[in-house]
Amino acid sequence: MLEPVPSYTGRLAPSPTGRLHLGHARTFWIAAERARQSGGRLLLRMDNLDRDRCRDEYAQAALSDLAWLGLHWEAPVIVQSTRIARYRQALAQLHAAGFIFPCERSRRDVREAAGAPHEDDEEPIYPREFRPPAAAKGPPLGDVIHTNWRFRVPDGETLAFNDALVGPQSAEAGCDFGDFLVWRKDDLPSYQLASVVDDIDFGITEVVRGADLIRSTFRQLLLFHALGAPAPTFAHCALMRDESGRRLAKRHDALSLQTLRDQGVTPVDITAKFSAQS
C-alpha cells in the first residue's frame, strides 16, 4: 500500500496505433492503482503524433477499452496533436540555450555507423563524429522545420534514478545512449520532447509505464533539466510476454482487449489476475 500523497498526479498515455492488449491493460491498471492508493489524480493523454499510424478509431477504442476495464481519469483528455505550438516553444528554449543541433543524417546512416541498438531500445547511439563542433552556432529553427534536431548529451555523465518498481537505475550519457531526436524533419516533436513538456505542464508527479522505456527515462531526465523543471518519479512495469517469450505487441490480436471482450472475458477476470501478480 502506498502512503497517501495528496499532490500525486499520474497519467495514462495510450498511443492510438492499434488495439490495446493485455500488456497495456496491466500497465494502465497499475498506474490507476498507484494513483488511487496515493489519494491522487489520474489524467489521460492521447499520444497521437504519429501521422502515419495513429487512427481516430483506435483512440476511441482505447477510451472504450480503458473505461470497460474500470479505470477512471479526470476530464478533459489531453491530445498531443493539439499541443504542437507548445512543443515548439520548448524547442525554441532548447535552441536558445544551445542544447540542440541540426542533423542531416538519415536513420540508415546512423544505424550503419553505430551498429545495433540496445535490446530494450530502438534508437542506436548517435556517432560522435556526426556531431557539429560544440562551439558551432546552429542555424535558426525556421517557421517550418525540414531537418531533424538532436539533443547533445553530456558525454561521460552518469544519470541515475530510483525506480519505484524495479529499483535503482543508472546509465552513462554517450555510452549507454547518445544524442537523441527532439524534433523530426516532418515538423513534429519527438516522443521524448512531447512527453516531457506534457509532464511539466500538467504537473505529473509519477510516470508509470513499461520497462521498455527505461532508457528513454535517461533522455527525458536531461530534457527536464534543460527546460528548468523538476522530474517526476518513475515506476516501470515488467513487460508481458506470449507463450514463446516475446513481449506483447499490438499485432497480438488474440490478446487484444476487444477480442477478450468479444469472448466474454470480464473486467474482473482481467484485473483479478493483475492483482494476483502485483
C-alpha atoms as a PDB file:
ATOM      1  CA  MET A   1       0.000   0.000   0.000  1.00  0.00           C
ATOM      2  CA  LEU A   2       1.403   3.402  -0.982  1.00  0.00           C
ATOM      3  CA  GLU A   3       1.497   6.221   1.525  1.00  0.00           C
ATOM      4  CA  PRO A   4      -1.182   8.837   0.660  1.00  0.00           C
ATOM      5  CA  VAL A   5       0.314  11.711  -1.327  1.00  0.00           C
ATOM      6  CA  PRO A   6      -2.307  14.486  -1.746  1.00  0.00           C
ATOM      7  CA  SER A   7      -0.363  16.146  -4.555  1.00  0.00           C
ATOM      8  CA  TYR A   8       0.056  12.940  -6.542  1.00  0.00           C
ATOM      9  CA  THR A   9      -0.773  13.257 -10.240  1.00  0.00           C
ATOM     10  CA  GLY A  10      -0.364  10.286 -12.547  1.00  0.00           C
ATOM     11  CA  ARG A  11      -1.303   9.703 -16.140  1.00  0.00           C
ATOM     12  CA  LEU A  12      -2.296   7.126 -18.701  1.00  0.00           C
ATOM     13  CA  ALA A  13      -0.789   7.614 -22.167  1.00  0.00           C
ATOM     14  CA  PRO A  14      -2.172   5.272 -24.827  1.00  0.00           C
ATOM     15  CA  SER A  15      -0.922   5.598 -28.384  1.00  0.00           C
ATOM     16  CA  PRO A  16      -3.734   5.053 -30.932  1.00  0.00           C
ATOM     17  CA  THR A  17      -1.740   2.981 -33.415  1.00  0.00           C
ATOM     18  CA  GLY A  18      -3.666  -0.246 -32.815  1.00  0.00           C
ATOM     19  CA  ARG A  19      -5.877  -2.026 -30.315  1.00  0.00           C
ATOM     20  CA  LEU A  20      -4.804  -2.182 -26.675  1.00  0.00           C
ATOM     21  CA  HIS A  21      -3.652  -5.600 -25.468  1.00  0.00           C
ATOM     22  CA  LEU A  22      -3.253  -7.238 -22.064  1.00  0.00           C
ATOM     23  CA  GLY A  23       0.199  -5.709 -21.567  1.00  0.00           C
ATOM     24  CA  HIS A  24      -1.179  -2.204 -21.992  1.00  0.00           C
ATOM     25  CA  ALA A  25      -4.079  -3.059 -19.703  1.00  0.00           C
ATOM     26  CA  ARG A  26      -1.809  -4.220 -16.896  1.00  0.00           C
ATOM     27  CA  THR A  27       0.424  -1.138 -17.090  1.00  0.00           C
ATOM     28  CA  PHE A  28      -2.564   1.229 -17.127  1.00  0.00           C
ATOM     29  CA  TRP A  29      -4.221  -0.692 -14.298  1.00  0.00           C
ATOM     30  CA  ILE A  30      -1.038  -0.373 -12.195  1.00  0.00           C
ATOM     31  CA  ALA A  31      -0.936   3.366 -12.959  1.00  0.00           C
ATOM     32  CA  ALA A  32      -4.552   3.765 -11.891  1.00  0.00           C
ATOM     33  CA  GLU A  33      -3.981   1.734  -8.726  1.00  0.00           C
ATOM     34  CA  ARG A  34      -0.957   3.798  -7.718  1.00  0.00           C
ATOM     35  CA  ALA A  35      -2.928   6.998  -8.189  1.00  0.00           C
ATOM     36  CA  ARG A  36      -5.853   5.602  -6.187  1.00  0.00           C
ATOM     37  CA  GLN A  37      -3.672   4.333  -3.346  1.00  0.00           C
ATOM     38  CA  SER A  38      -1.902   7.696  -3.174  1.00  0.00           C
ATOM     39  CA  GLY A  39      -5.194   9.589  -2.982  1.00  0.00           C
ATOM     40  CA  GLY A  40      -4.223  11.487  -6.103  1.00  0.00           C
ATOM     41  CA  ARG A  41      -5.387  12.424  -9.579  1.00  0.00           C
ATOM     42  CA  LEU A  42      -5.136  10.460 -12.809  1.00  0.00           C
ATOM     43  CA  LEU A  43      -5.072  12.139 -16.220  1.00  0.00           C
ATOM     44  CA  LEU A  44      -5.241  10.611 -19.685  1.00  0.00           C
ATOM     45  CA  ARG A  45      -3.061  11.749 -22.592  1.00  0.00           C
ATOM     46  CA  MET A  46      -3.560  10.545 -26.148  1.00  0.00           C
ATOM     47  CA  ASP A  47      -0.135  10.164 -27.796  1.00  0.00           C
ATOM     48  CA  ASN A  48      -1.276  10.697 -31.375  1.00  0.00           C
ATOM     49  CA  LEU A  49       1.705  12.370 -33.050  1.00  0.00           C
ATOM     50  CA  ASP A  50       2.458   9.530 -35.481  1.00  0.00           C
ATOM     51  CA  ARG A  51       0.609  10.764 -38.557  1.00  0.00           C
ATOM     52  CA  ASP A  52       1.143   7.540 -40.491  1.00  0.00           C
ATOM     53  CA  ARG A  53      -0.075   5.079 -37.854  1.00  0.00           C
ATOM     54  CA  CYS A  54      -2.471   6.872 -35.498  1.00  0.00           C
ATOM     55  CA  ARG A  55      -6.183   6.487 -36.191  1.00  0.00           C
ATOM     56  CA  ASP A  56      -9.209   8.133 -34.570  1.00  0.00           C
ATOM     57  CA  GLU A  57     -10.888   4.733 -34.414  1.00  0.00           C
ATOM     58  CA  TYR A  58      -8.030   3.410 -32.268  1.00  0.00           C
ATOM     59  CA  ALA A  59      -8.229   6.447 -29.984  1.00  0.00           C
ATOM     60  CA  GLN A  60     -11.934   5.892 -29.409  1.00  0.00           C
ATOM     61  CA  ALA A  61     -11.348   2.163 -28.921  1.00  0.00           C
ATOM     62  CA  ALA A  62      -8.668   2.871 -26.295  1.00  0.00           C
ATOM     63  CA  LEU A  63     -11.035   5.099 -24.317  1.00  0.00           C
ATOM     64  CA  SER A  64     -13.742   2.445 -24.548  1.00  0.00           C
ATOM     65  CA  ASP A  65     -11.403  -0.386 -23.503  1.00  0.00           C
ATOM     66  CA  LEU A  66      -9.996   1.529 -20.526  1.00  0.00           C
ATOM     67  CA  ALA A  67     -13.448   2.562 -19.322  1.00  0.00           C
ATOM     68  CA  TRP A  68     -14.648  -1.053 -19.709  1.00  0.00           C
ATOM     69  CA  LEU A  69     -11.679  -2.150 -17.597  1.00  0.00           C
ATOM     70  CA  GLY A  70     -12.978   0.115 -14.838  1.00  0.00           C
ATOM     71  CA  LEU A  71     -10.339   2.837 -14.985  1.00  0.00           C
ATOM     72  CA  HIS A  72     -11.296   6.447 -14.285  1.00  0.00           C
ATOM     73  CA  TRP A  73      -9.482   9.655 -15.173  1.00  0.00           C
ATOM     74  CA  GLU A  74     -10.137  13.361 -14.991  1.00  0.00           C
ATOM     75  CA  ALA A  75     -11.510  15.218 -17.994  1.00  0.00           C
ATOM     76  CA  PRO A  76     -10.552  16.557 -20.412  1.00  0.00           C
ATOM     77  CA  VAL A  77      -8.368  14.092 -22.305  1.00  0.00           C
ATOM     78  CA  ILE A  78      -5.005  15.643 -23.266  1.00  0.00           C
ATOM     79  CA  VAL A  79      -4.460  15.310 -27.020  1.00  0.00           C
ATOM     80  CA  GLN A  80      -0.875  15.771 -28.154  1.00  0.00           C
ATOM     81  CA  SER A  81      -1.733  16.758 -31.718  1.00  0.00           C
ATOM     82  CA  THR A  82      -3.417  19.914 -30.369  1.00  0.00           C
ATOM     83  CA  ARG A  83      -0.267  20.990 -28.490  1.00  0.00           C
ATOM     84  CA  ILE A  84       2.254  21.404 -31.314  1.00  0.00           C
ATOM     85  CA  ALA A  85       2.689  25.136 -30.654  1.00  0.00           C
ATOM     86  CA  ARG A  86       3.579  24.432 -27.016  1.00  0.00           C
ATOM     87  CA  TYR A  87       6.156  21.835 -28.017  1.00  0.00           C
ATOM     88  CA  ARG A  88       7.616  24.335 -30.462  1.00  0.00           C
ATOM     89  CA  GLN A  89       8.052  26.823 -27.591  1.00  0.00           C
ATOM     90  CA  ALA A  90      10.050  24.222 -25.684  1.00  0.00           C
ATOM     91  CA  LEU A  91      12.160  23.513 -28.773  1.00  0.00           C
ATOM     92  CA  ALA A  92      12.925  27.223 -29.100  1.00  0.00           C
ATOM     93  CA  GLN A  93      14.004  27.258 -25.447  1.00  0.00           C
ATOM     94  CA  LEU A  94      16.418  24.374 -26.057  1.00  0.00           C
ATOM     95  CA  HIS A  95      17.700  26.052 -29.223  1.00  0.00           C
ATOM     96  CA  ALA A  96      18.333  29.376 -27.484  1.00  0.00           C
ATOM     97  CA  ALA A  97      20.281  27.615 -24.728  1.00  0.00           C
ATOM     98  CA  GLY A  98      22.450  25.685 -27.217  1.00  0.00           C
ATOM     99  CA  PHE A  99      21.302  22.211 -26.207  1.00  0.00           C
ATOM    100  CA  ILE A 100      20.377  21.012 -29.710  1.00  0.00           C
ATOM    101  CA  PHE A 101      21.918  20.741 -33.160  1.00  0.00           C
ATOM    102  CA  PRO A 102      20.562  20.026 -36.658  1.00  0.00           C
ATOM    103  CA  CYS A 103      21.118  16.563 -38.088  1.00  0.00           C
ATOM    104  CA  GLU A 104      21.055  15.809 -41.804  1.00  0.00           C
ATOM    105  CA  ARG A 105      21.999  12.165 -41.349  1.00  0.00           C
ATOM    106  CA  SER A 106      19.437   9.547 -42.274  1.00  0.00           C
ATOM    107  CA  ARG A 107      18.255   6.825 -39.910  1.00  0.00           C
ATOM    108  CA  ARG A 108      20.175   4.364 -42.055  1.00  0.00           C
ATOM    109  CA  ASP A 109      23.383   6.444 -41.781  1.00  0.00           C
ATOM    110  CA  VAL A 110      23.134   6.422 -38.006  1.00  0.00           C
ATOM    111  CA  ARG A 111      22.262   2.753 -37.714  1.00  0.00           C
ATOM    112  CA  GLU A 112      25.055   1.593 -40.024  1.00  0.00           C
ATOM    113  CA  ALA A 113      27.665   3.731 -38.267  1.00  0.00           C
ATOM    114  CA  ALA A 114      26.540   2.960 -34.736  1.00  0.00           C
ATOM    115  CA  GLY A 115      25.627  -0.716 -35.010  1.00  0.00           C
ATOM    116  CA  ALA A 116      22.685  -2.393 -33.356  1.00  0.00           C
ATOM    117  CA  PRO A 117      20.849  -0.548 -30.554  1.00  0.00           C
ATOM    118  CA  HIS A 118      20.481  -1.957 -27.065  1.00  0.00           C
ATOM    119  CA  GLU A 119      17.979  -4.803 -26.876  1.00  0.00           C
ATOM    120  CA  ASP A 120      15.475  -2.688 -24.917  1.00  0.00           C
ATOM    121  CA  ASP A 121      15.918   0.441 -27.025  1.00  0.00           C
ATOM    122  CA  GLU A 122      15.053   1.250 -30.625  1.00  0.00           C
ATOM    123  CA  GLU A 123      17.463   4.160 -31.051  1.00  0.00           C
ATOM    124  CA  PRO A 124      21.129   3.418 -31.836  1.00  0.00           C
ATOM    125  CA  ILE A 125      23.826   5.533 -30.203  1.00  0.00           C
ATOM    126  CA  TYR A 126      24.465   8.576 -32.377  1.00  0.00           C
ATOM    127  CA  PRO A 127      28.104   8.581 -33.592  1.00  0.00           C
ATOM    128  CA  ARG A 128      30.138  11.425 -32.115  1.00  0.00           C
ATOM    129  CA  GLU A 129      31.817  12.060 -35.453  1.00  0.00           C
ATOM    130  CA  PHE A 130      28.438  13.063 -36.883  1.00  0.00           C
ATOM    131  CA  ARG A 131      28.089  15.943 -34.417  1.00  0.00           C
ATOM    132  CA  PRO A 132      28.941  19.527 -35.306  1.00  0.00           C
ATOM    133  CA  PRO A 133      31.572  21.139 -33.043  1.00  0.00           C
ATOM    134  CA  ALA A 134      30.165  22.050 -29.638  1.00  0.00           C
ATOM    135  CA  ALA A 135      31.015  25.725 -30.150  1.00  0.00           C
ATOM    136  CA  ALA A 136      29.432  25.891 -33.590  1.00  0.00           C
ATOM    137  CA  LYS A 137      26.416  28.173 -33.783  1.00  0.00           C
ATOM    138  CA  GLY A 138      23.474  26.330 -35.258  1.00  0.00           C
ATOM    139  CA  PRO A 139      21.122  27.739 -37.880  1.00  0.00           C
ATOM    140  CA  PRO A 140      17.766  29.260 -36.884  1.00  0.00           C
ATOM    141  CA  LEU A 141      14.851  26.873 -36.493  1.00  0.00           C
ATOM    142  CA  GLY A 142      12.748  28.444 -39.240  1.00  0.00           C
ATOM    143  CA  ASP A 143       8.979  28.666 -39.425  1.00  0.00           C
ATOM    144  CA  VAL A 144       8.692  25.161 -40.885  1.00  0.00           C
ATOM    145  CA  ILE A 145      11.265  22.555 -39.912  1.00  0.00           C
ATOM    146  CA  HIS A 146      12.598  20.194 -42.562  1.00  0.00           C
ATOM    147  CA  THR A 147      15.635  18.964 -40.605  1.00  0.00           C
ATOM    148  CA  ASN A 148      15.979  16.617 -37.657  1.00  0.00           C
ATOM    149  CA  TRP A 149      17.159  18.301 -34.452  1.00  0.00           C
ATOM    150  CA  ARG A 150      19.008  16.349 -31.780  1.00  0.00           C
ATOM    151  CA  PHE A 151      19.811  16.957 -28.123  1.00  0.00           C
ATOM    152  CA  ARG A 152      23.561  16.867 -27.442  1.00  0.00           C
ATOM    153  CA  VAL A 153      24.084  14.601 -24.421  1.00  0.00           C
ATOM    154  CA  PRO A 154      26.853  15.354 -21.883  1.00  0.00           C
ATOM    155  CA  ASP A 155      29.307  12.561 -22.714  1.00  0.00           C
ATOM    156  CA  GLY A 156      30.568  10.680 -19.698  1.00  0.00           C
ATOM    157  CA  GLU A 157      27.931  11.997 -17.300  1.00  0.00           C
ATOM    158  CA  THR A 158      26.198   9.339 -15.239  1.00  0.00           C
ATOM    159  CA  LEU A 159      22.477   9.742 -14.746  1.00  0.00           C
ATOM    160  CA  ALA A 160      20.573   7.817 -12.101  1.00  0.00           C
ATOM    161  CA  PHE A 161      17.094   7.470 -10.667  1.00  0.00           C
ATOM    162  CA  ASN A 162      15.435   5.148  -8.187  1.00  0.00           C
ATOM    163  CA  ASP A 163      12.565   3.365  -9.906  1.00  0.00           C
ATOM    164  CA  ALA A 164       9.585   2.635  -7.683  1.00  0.00           C
ATOM    165  CA  LEU A 165       9.122  -0.850  -9.176  1.00  0.00           C
ATOM    166  CA  VAL A 166      12.497  -2.062 -10.458  1.00  0.00           C
ATOM    167  CA  GLY A 167      14.881  -0.243  -8.137  1.00  0.00           C
ATOM    168  CA  PRO A 168      17.994   1.893  -8.789  1.00  0.00           C
ATOM    169  CA  GLN A 169      18.836   2.616 -12.433  1.00  0.00           C
ATOM    170  CA  SER A 170      21.852   4.342 -13.946  1.00  0.00           C
ATOM    171  CA  ALA A 171      23.308   4.991 -17.394  1.00  0.00           C
ATOM    172  CA  GLU A 172      26.255   6.862 -18.858  1.00  0.00           C
ATOM    173  CA  ALA A 173      25.478   9.506 -21.474  1.00  0.00           C
ATOM    174  CA  GLY A 174      27.336   8.905 -24.714  1.00  0.00           C
ATOM    175  CA  CYS A 175      27.900   5.265 -23.833  1.00  0.00           C
ATOM    176  CA  ASP A 176      24.529   3.744 -22.959  1.00  0.00           C
ATOM    177  CA  PHE A 177      22.591   6.261 -25.042  1.00  0.00           C
ATOM    178  CA  GLY A 178      23.569   9.068 -27.378  1.00  0.00           C
ATOM    179  CA  ASP A 179      22.329  12.305 -28.911  1.00  0.00           C
ATOM    180  CA  PHE A 180      18.609  11.858 -29.446  1.00  0.00           C
ATOM    181  CA  LEU A 181      15.865  13.368 -31.568  1.00  0.00           C
ATOM    182  CA  VAL A 182      13.779  16.180 -30.142  1.00  0.00           C
ATOM    183  CA  TRP A 183      12.215  17.370 -33.408  1.00  0.00           C
ATOM    184  CA  ARG A 184      11.717  15.496 -36.650  1.00  0.00           C
ATOM    185  CA  LYS A 185      12.115  16.657 -40.217  1.00  0.00           C
ATOM    186  CA  ASP A 186       8.379  16.174 -40.779  1.00  0.00           C
ATOM    187  CA  ASP A 187       7.970  19.157 -38.399  1.00  0.00           C
ATOM    188  CA  LEU A 188       6.746  17.177 -35.410  1.00  0.00           C
ATOM    189  CA  PRO A 189       8.233  16.780 -31.931  1.00  0.00           C
ATOM    190  CA  SER A 190       9.779  13.515 -30.847  1.00  0.00           C
ATOM    191  CA  TYR A 191       8.181  11.347 -28.194  1.00  0.00           C
ATOM    192  CA  GLN A 192      10.908  12.406 -25.755  1.00  0.00           C
ATOM    193  CA  LEU A 193      10.234  16.136 -26.014  1.00  0.00           C
ATOM    194  CA  ALA A 194       6.434  15.968 -26.207  1.00  0.00           C
ATOM    195  CA  SER A 195       6.229  13.629 -23.226  1.00  0.00           C
ATOM    196  CA  VAL A 196       8.460  15.803 -21.051  1.00  0.00           C
ATOM    197  CA  VAL A 197       6.623  19.022 -21.922  1.00  0.00           C
ATOM    198  CA  ASP A 198       3.280  17.392 -21.128  1.00  0.00           C
ATOM    199  CA  ASP A 199       4.528  16.049 -17.807  1.00  0.00           C
ATOM    200  CA  ILE A 200       5.787  19.523 -16.883  1.00  0.00           C
ATOM    201  CA  ASP A 201       2.658  21.370 -17.959  1.00  0.00           C
ATOM    202  CA  PHE A 202       0.201  19.012 -16.276  1.00  0.00           C
ATOM    203  CA  GLY A 203       2.155  18.575 -13.061  1.00  0.00           C
ATOM    204  CA  ILE A 204       2.751  14.830 -13.349  1.00  0.00           C
ATOM    205  CA  THR A 205       4.451  13.603 -10.189  1.00  0.00           C
ATOM    206  CA  GLU A 206       4.906   9.941 -11.156  1.00  0.00           C
ATOM    207  CA  VAL A 207       5.185   8.291 -14.569  1.00  0.00           C
ATOM    208  CA  VAL A 208       4.072   4.657 -14.711  1.00  0.00           C
ATOM    209  CA  ARG A 209       4.917   2.867 -17.954  1.00  0.00           C
ATOM    210  CA  GLY A 210       6.515  -0.263 -19.431  1.00  0.00           C
ATOM    211  CA  ALA A 211      10.073  -1.342 -18.686  1.00  0.00           C
ATOM    212  CA  ASP A 212      10.965  -0.989 -22.374  1.00  0.00           C
ATOM    213  CA  LEU A 213      11.051   2.783 -21.776  1.00  0.00           C
ATOM    214  CA  ILE A 214      13.645   2.788 -19.001  1.00  0.00           C
ATOM    215  CA  ARG A 215      16.364   4.015 -21.359  1.00  0.00           C
ATOM    216  CA  SER A 216      14.070   6.790 -22.561  1.00  0.00           C
ATOM    217  CA  THR A 217      13.867   7.986 -18.973  1.00  0.00           C
ATOM    218  CA  PHE A 218      17.545   8.989 -19.000  1.00  0.00           C
ATOM    219  CA  ARG A 219      16.981  11.098 -22.108  1.00  0.00           C
ATOM    220  CA  GLN A 220      13.957  12.685 -20.510  1.00  0.00           C
ATOM    221  CA  LEU A 221      15.843  13.483 -17.306  1.00  0.00           C
ATOM    222  CA  LEU A 222      18.217  15.575 -19.420  1.00  0.00           C
ATOM    223  CA  LEU A 223      15.263  17.384 -21.008  1.00  0.00           C
ATOM    224  CA  PHE A 224      13.639  18.148 -17.645  1.00  0.00           C
ATOM    225  CA  HIS A 225      16.927  19.677 -16.504  1.00  0.00           C
ATOM    226  CA  ALA A 226      17.444  21.630 -19.746  1.00  0.00           C
ATOM    227  CA  LEU A 227      13.909  23.044 -19.520  1.00  0.00           C
ATOM    228  CA  GLY A 228      14.431  24.033 -15.887  1.00  0.00           C
ATOM    229  CA  ALA A 229      11.787  21.735 -14.430  1.00  0.00           C
ATOM    230  CA  PRO A 230      11.918  19.032 -11.751  1.00  0.00           C
ATOM    231  CA  ALA A 231      11.491  15.482 -13.000  1.00  0.00           C
ATOM    232  CA  PRO A 232       8.701  13.250 -11.723  1.00  0.00           C
ATOM    233  CA  THR A 233       9.424   9.893 -10.149  1.00  0.00           C
ATOM    234  CA  PHE A 234       9.182   6.792 -12.319  1.00  0.00           C
ATOM    235  CA  ALA A 235       7.711   3.303 -11.996  1.00  0.00           C
ATOM    236  CA  HIS A 236       8.447   0.907 -14.852  1.00  0.00           C
ATOM    237  CA  CYS A 237       6.306  -2.223 -15.127  1.00  0.00           C
ATOM    238  CA  ALA A 238       7.625  -5.590 -16.270  1.00  0.00           C
ATOM    239  CA  LEU A 239       6.524  -6.427 -19.802  1.00  0.00           C
ATOM    240  CA  MET A 240       4.004  -9.162 -20.514  1.00  0.00           C
ATOM    241  CA  ARG A 241       5.166 -11.869 -22.909  1.00  0.00           C
ATOM    242  CA  ASP A 242       3.470 -14.508 -25.015  1.00  0.00           C
ATOM    243  CA  GLU A 243       3.999 -18.264 -24.730  1.00  0.00           C
ATOM    244  CA  SER A 244       7.174 -18.078 -26.832  1.00  0.00           C
ATOM    245  CA  GLY A 245       8.696 -15.389 -24.619  1.00  0.00           C
ATOM    246  CA  ARG A 246       8.169 -12.464 -26.993  1.00  0.00           C
ATOM    247  CA  ARG A 247       6.814  -9.294 -25.465  1.00  0.00           C
ATOM    248  CA  LEU A 248       3.256  -8.480 -26.423  1.00  0.00           C
ATOM    249  CA  ALA A 249       2.733  -6.063 -29.303  1.00  0.00           C
ATOM    250  CA  LYS A 250      -0.342  -4.614 -30.978  1.00  0.00           C
ATOM    251  CA  ARG A 251      -0.140  -7.318 -33.618  1.00  0.00           C
ATOM    252  CA  HIS A 252      -1.171  -9.843 -30.927  1.00  0.00           C
ATOM    253  CA  ASP A 253      -4.868  -9.613 -31.812  1.00  0.00           C
ATOM    254  CA  ALA A 254      -5.710 -12.741 -29.825  1.00  0.00           C
ATOM    255  CA  LEU A 255      -4.769 -10.877 -26.650  1.00  0.00           C
ATOM    256  CA  SER A 256      -6.352  -7.538 -27.528  1.00  0.00           C
ATOM    257  CA  LEU A 257      -8.911  -6.262 -25.048  1.00  0.00           C
ATOM    258  CA  GLN A 258     -11.541  -6.125 -27.785  1.00  0.00           C
ATOM    259  CA  THR A 259     -11.019  -9.801 -28.632  1.00  0.00           C
ATOM    260  CA  LEU A 260     -11.194 -10.767 -24.966  1.00  0.00           C
ATOM    261  CA  ARG A 261     -14.362  -8.718 -24.546  1.00  0.00           C
ATOM    262  CA  ASP A 262     -15.920 -10.456 -27.543  1.00  0.00           C
ATOM    263  CA  GLN A 263     -15.048 -13.816 -25.982  1.00  0.00           C
ATOM    264  CA  GLY A 264     -16.976 -12.945 -22.831  1.00  0.00           C
ATOM    265  CA  VAL A 265     -13.986 -12.223 -20.585  1.00  0.00           C
ATOM    266  CA  THR A 266     -14.999  -9.726 -17.885  1.00  0.00           C
ATOM    267  CA  PRO A 267     -13.012  -6.829 -16.404  1.00  0.00           C
ATOM    268  CA  VAL A 268     -12.998  -8.667 -13.070  1.00  0.00           C
ATOM    269  CA  ASP A 269     -11.399 -11.697 -14.758  1.00  0.00           C
ATOM    270  CA  ILE A 270      -8.594  -9.496 -16.020  1.00  0.00           C
ATOM    271  CA  THR A 271      -7.966  -7.236 -13.040  1.00  0.00           C
ATOM    272  CA  ALA A 272      -8.082 -10.195 -10.626  1.00  0.00           C
ATOM    273  CA  LYS A 273      -5.108 -11.675 -12.464  1.00  0.00           C
ATOM    274  CA  PHE A 274      -3.286  -8.336 -12.371  1.00  0.00           C
ATOM    275  CA  SER A 275      -3.940  -8.024  -8.659  1.00  0.00           C
ATOM    276  CA  ALA A 276      -2.602 -11.538  -8.030  1.00  0.00           C
ATOM    277  CA  GLN A 277       0.574 -10.750  -9.978  1.00  0.00           C
ATOM    278  CA  SER A 278       1.303  -7.469  -8.192  1.00  0.00           C
END
